[in-house]
Amino acid sequence: MCCVVRGAVRVVIHAPSGRDLSFEDIEAGGHFGELACLDGEPRSASVVALLNTVVATVPTAALEQVLLENPTIALSLMRR
């Protein structure tokens, strides 16, 4: 999983027509990649920096440990 520390990113999907479809903009404090981190499956979306951006990665084992120890965080992540 990646957390946006500074800057902003855009989640895009590459359509079969060759166009990029914007899905979501994520600013500092947001995150992406949590589903792929938890289920190990590849995703069809890409992430593109909109500004000079810094991200921090959270390894799968660390994310799983946090979610097991903090049900409130786990519920928040599932609701998102």
N, C-alpha and C. Protein backbone atom coordinates (compact mmCIF):
# COMPACT_ATOMS: atom_id res chain seq x y z
N MET A 1 0.85 -1.16 0.00
CA MET A 1 0.00 0.00 0.00
C MET A 1 0.90 1.23 0.00
N CYS A 2 0.43 2.30 -0.60
CA CYS A 2 1.17 3.55 -0.63
C CYS A 2 0.35 4.66 0.00
N CYS A 3 1.00 5.49 0.78
CA CYS A 3 0.38 6.66 1.41
C CYS A 3 0.99 7.90 0.79
N VAL A 4 0.14 8.84 0.40
CA VAL A 4 0.62 10.09 -0.18
C VAL A 4 1.03 11.01 0.97
N VAL A 5 2.31 11.27 1.08
CA VAL A 5 2.84 12.11 2.15
C VAL A 5 2.76 13.59 1.76
N ARG A 6 3.13 13.86 0.52
CA ARG A 6 3.09 15.23 0.01
C ARG A 6 2.76 15.18 -1.47
N GLY A 7 1.97 16.15 -1.94
CA GLY A 7 1.62 16.21 -3.35
C GLY A 7 0.26 15.60 -3.61
N ALA A 8 0.07 15.09 -4.82
CA ALA A 8 -1.20 14.50 -5.21
C ALA A 8 -0.97 13.55 -6.38
N VAL A 9 -1.79 12.53 -6.45
CA VAL A 9 -1.74 11.57 -7.54
C VAL A 9 -3.14 11.39 -8.13
N ARG A 10 -3.17 10.91 -9.35
CA ARG A 10 -4.45 10.61 -10.01
C ARG A 10 -4.46 9.12 -10.36
N VAL A 11 -5.54 8.46 -10.03
CA VAL A 11 -5.74 7.06 -10.40
C VAL A 11 -6.42 7.06 -11.76
N VAL A 12 -5.81 6.40 -12.72
CA VAL A 12 -6.34 6.35 -14.08
C VAL A 12 -6.50 4.91 -14.53
N ILE A 13 -7.45 4.72 -15.41
CA ILE A 13 -7.66 3.42 -16.03
C ILE A 13 -7.40 3.58 -17.52
N HIS A 14 -6.62 2.71 -18.08
CA HIS A 14 -6.31 2.74 -19.51
C HIS A 14 -7.40 1.97 -20.25
N ALA A 15 -8.25 2.70 -20.95
CA ALA A 15 -9.37 2.09 -21.67
C ALA A 15 -8.87 1.40 -22.93
N PRO A 16 -9.61 0.39 -23.40
CA PRO A 16 -9.22 -0.30 -24.64
C PRO A 16 -9.11 0.65 -25.83
N SER A 17 -9.83 1.77 -25.79
CA SER A 17 -9.78 2.74 -26.88
C SER A 17 -8.46 3.50 -26.92
N GLY A 18 -7.64 3.34 -25.87
CA GLY A 18 -6.38 4.05 -25.79
C GLY A 18 -6.44 5.29 -24.93
N ARG A 19 -7.63 5.68 -24.53
CA ARG A 19 -7.79 6.86 -23.68
C ARG A 19 -7.54 6.51 -22.23
N ASP A 20 -7.06 7.49 -21.47
CA ASP A 20 -6.92 7.34 -20.02
C ASP A 20 -8.15 7.95 -19.37
N LEU A 21 -8.82 7.18 -18.53
CA LEU A 21 -10.00 7.66 -17.82
C LEU A 21 -9.62 7.93 -16.38
N SER A 22 -9.84 9.17 -15.94
CA SER A 22 -9.54 9.52 -14.55
C SER A 22 -10.54 8.86 -13.64
N PHE A 23 -10.03 8.27 -12.58
CA PHE A 23 -10.88 7.56 -11.63
C PHE A 23 -11.00 8.31 -10.32
N GLU A 24 -9.85 8.82 -9.82
CA GLU A 24 -9.84 9.48 -8.52
C GLU A 24 -8.55 10.25 -8.35
N ASP A 25 -8.63 11.42 -7.71
CA ASP A 25 -7.43 12.16 -7.31
C ASP A 25 -7.23 11.94 -5.82
N ILE A 26 -6.00 11.67 -5.43
CA ILE A 26 -5.68 11.41 -4.03
C ILE A 26 -4.62 12.41 -3.59
N GLU A 27 -4.93 13.15 -2.55
CA GLU A 27 -4.02 14.17 -2.03
C GLU A 27 -3.29 13.65 -0.80
N ALA A 28 -2.39 14.49 -0.28
CA ALA A 28 -1.62 14.14 0.92
C ALA A 28 -2.56 13.68 2.02
N GLY A 29 -2.20 12.58 2.66
CA GLY A 29 -3.04 11.98 3.70
C GLY A 29 -3.86 10.82 3.17
N GLY A 30 -3.96 10.69 1.86
CA GLY A 30 -4.71 9.59 1.26
C GLY A 30 -3.81 8.40 0.97
N HIS A 31 -4.39 7.35 0.46
CA HIS A 31 -3.63 6.13 0.18
C HIS A 31 -4.22 5.41 -1.03
N PHE A 32 -3.42 4.49 -1.56
CA PHE A 32 -3.88 3.65 -2.68
C PHE A 32 -3.12 2.34 -2.64
N GLY A 33 -3.63 1.36 -3.34
CA GLY A 33 -2.96 0.06 -3.43
C GLY A 33 -3.28 -0.90 -2.31
N GLU A 34 -4.26 -0.54 -1.45
CA GLU A 34 -4.56 -1.40 -0.30
C GLU A 34 -5.18 -2.73 -0.73
N LEU A 35 -6.02 -2.72 -1.76
CA LEU A 35 -6.64 -3.99 -2.19
C LEU A 35 -5.61 -4.95 -2.76
N ALA A 36 -4.74 -4.45 -3.61
CA ALA A 36 -3.70 -5.31 -4.18
C ALA A 36 -2.77 -5.83 -3.08
N CYS A 37 -2.55 -5.00 -2.08
CA CYS A 37 -1.69 -5.40 -0.95
C CYS A 37 -2.33 -6.56 -0.19
N LEU A 38 -3.64 -6.51 -0.01
CA LEU A 38 -4.32 -7.52 0.80
C LEU A 38 -4.67 -8.79 0.04
N ASP A 39 -5.06 -8.65 -1.23
CA ASP A 39 -5.47 -9.88 -1.94
C ASP A 39 -4.41 -10.39 -2.92
N GLY A 40 -3.34 -9.62 -3.14
CA GLY A 40 -2.25 -10.08 -3.99
C GLY A 40 -2.56 -10.09 -5.47
N GLU A 41 -3.71 -9.59 -5.86
CA GLU A 41 -4.10 -9.59 -7.27
C GLU A 41 -3.65 -8.29 -7.93
N PRO A 42 -3.30 -8.36 -9.22
CA PRO A 42 -2.94 -7.14 -9.94
C PRO A 42 -4.17 -6.27 -10.18
N ARG A 43 -3.96 -5.01 -10.35
CA ARG A 43 -5.04 -4.06 -10.61
C ARG A 43 -4.89 -3.50 -12.02
N SER A 44 -5.98 -3.05 -12.57
CA SER A 44 -5.96 -2.51 -13.92
C SER A 44 -5.74 -1.00 -13.94
N ALA A 45 -5.71 -0.37 -12.79
CA ALA A 45 -5.52 1.08 -12.72
C ALA A 45 -4.04 1.41 -12.52
N SER A 46 -3.69 2.61 -12.92
CA SER A 46 -2.35 3.15 -12.71
C SER A 46 -2.45 4.42 -11.89
N VAL A 47 -1.35 4.85 -11.33
CA VAL A 47 -1.31 6.08 -10.54
C VAL A 47 -0.26 6.99 -11.15
N VAL A 48 -0.66 8.25 -11.36
CA VAL A 48 0.22 9.25 -11.97
C VAL A 48 0.33 10.44 -11.03
N ALA A 49 1.55 10.91 -10.77
CA ALA A 49 1.74 12.08 -9.91
C ALA A 49 1.23 13.32 -10.63
N LEU A 50 0.47 14.15 -9.92
CA LEU A 50 -0.03 15.41 -10.46
C LEU A 50 0.90 16.56 -10.12
N LEU A 51 1.63 16.42 -9.04
CA LEU A 51 2.56 17.43 -8.54
C LEU A 51 3.84 16.71 -8.15
N ASN A 52 4.82 17.44 -7.68
CA ASN A 52 5.99 16.82 -7.08
C ASN A 52 5.48 16.09 -5.84
N THR A 53 5.53 14.77 -5.84
CA THR A 53 4.84 13.96 -4.85
C THR A 53 5.79 13.01 -4.12
N VAL A 54 5.54 12.85 -2.83
CA VAL A 54 6.28 11.89 -2.02
C VAL A 54 5.28 10.87 -1.49
N VAL A 55 5.59 9.59 -1.69
CA VAL A 55 4.74 8.52 -1.15
C VAL A 55 5.57 7.64 -0.23
N ALA A 56 4.90 7.06 0.75
CA ALA A 56 5.54 6.09 1.64
C ALA A 56 4.85 4.75 1.40
N THR A 57 5.64 3.70 1.31
CA THR A 57 5.05 2.38 1.11
C THR A 57 4.90 1.67 2.44
N VAL A 58 3.83 0.91 2.53
CA VAL A 58 3.55 0.10 3.72
C VAL A 58 3.59 -1.36 3.25
N PRO A 59 4.54 -2.15 3.72
CA PRO A 59 4.62 -3.54 3.31
C PRO A 59 3.36 -4.32 3.73
N THR A 60 3.04 -5.34 2.97
CA THR A 60 1.84 -6.14 3.23
C THR A 60 1.80 -6.66 4.66
N ALA A 61 2.90 -7.21 5.15
CA ALA A 61 2.91 -7.77 6.51
C ALA A 61 2.61 -6.69 7.55
N ALA A 62 3.14 -5.49 7.36
CA ALA A 62 2.89 -4.41 8.31
C ALA A 62 1.42 -3.97 8.26
N LEU A 63 0.86 -3.87 7.06
CA LEU A 63 -0.55 -3.49 6.93
C LEU A 63 -1.44 -4.54 7.59
N GLU A 64 -1.18 -5.80 7.33
CA GLU A 64 -1.98 -6.87 7.93
C GLU A 64 -1.92 -6.81 9.46
N GLN A 65 -0.75 -6.55 10.01
CA GLN A 65 -0.59 -6.48 11.47
C GLN A 65 -1.39 -5.30 12.04
N VAL A 66 -1.30 -4.15 11.39
CA VAL A 66 -2.06 -2.98 11.85
C VAL A 66 -3.56 -3.27 11.81
N LEU A 67 -4.03 -3.89 10.74
CA LEU A 67 -5.46 -4.18 10.62
C LEU A 67 -5.93 -5.21 11.65
N LEU A 68 -5.11 -6.20 11.95
CA LEU A 68 -5.47 -7.20 12.95
C LEU A 68 -5.54 -6.59 14.35
N GLU A 69 -4.66 -5.65 14.63
CA GLU A 69 -4.59 -5.05 15.96
C GLU A 69 -5.53 -3.86 16.13
N ASN A 70 -6.07 -3.33 15.03
CA ASN A 70 -6.90 -2.13 15.08
C ASN A 70 -8.16 -2.30 14.24
N PRO A 71 -9.20 -2.93 14.79
CA PRO A 71 -10.41 -3.16 14.01
C PRO A 71 -11.05 -1.88 13.47
N THR A 72 -10.88 -0.77 14.16
CA THR A 72 -11.45 0.49 13.69
C THR A 72 -10.79 0.91 12.38
N ILE A 73 -9.49 0.74 12.30
CA ILE A 73 -8.78 1.06 11.05
C ILE A 73 -9.20 0.09 9.95
N ALA A 74 -9.34 -1.18 10.29
CA ALA A 74 -9.77 -2.17 9.31
C ALA A 74 -11.15 -1.82 8.75
N LEU A 75 -12.07 -1.44 9.60
CA LEU A 75 -13.42 -1.07 9.15
C LEU A 75 -13.38 0.17 8.28
N SER A 76 -12.58 1.15 8.66
CA SER A 76 -12.45 2.37 7.88
C SER A 76 -11.91 2.07 6.48
N LEU A 77 -10.92 1.21 6.40
CA LEU A 77 -10.33 0.84 5.13
C LEU A 77 -11.35 0.10 4.26
N MET A 78 -12.11 -0.80 4.86
CA MET A 78 -13.13 -1.53 4.10
C MET A 78 -14.24 -0.61 3.59
N ARG A 79 -14.61 0.38 4.37
CA ARG A 79 -15.67 1.30 3.97
C ARG A 79 -15.24 2.20 2.83
N ARG A 80 -13.96 2.49 2.76
CA ARG A 80 -13.45 3.33 1.70
C ARG A 80 -13.53 2.59 0.38
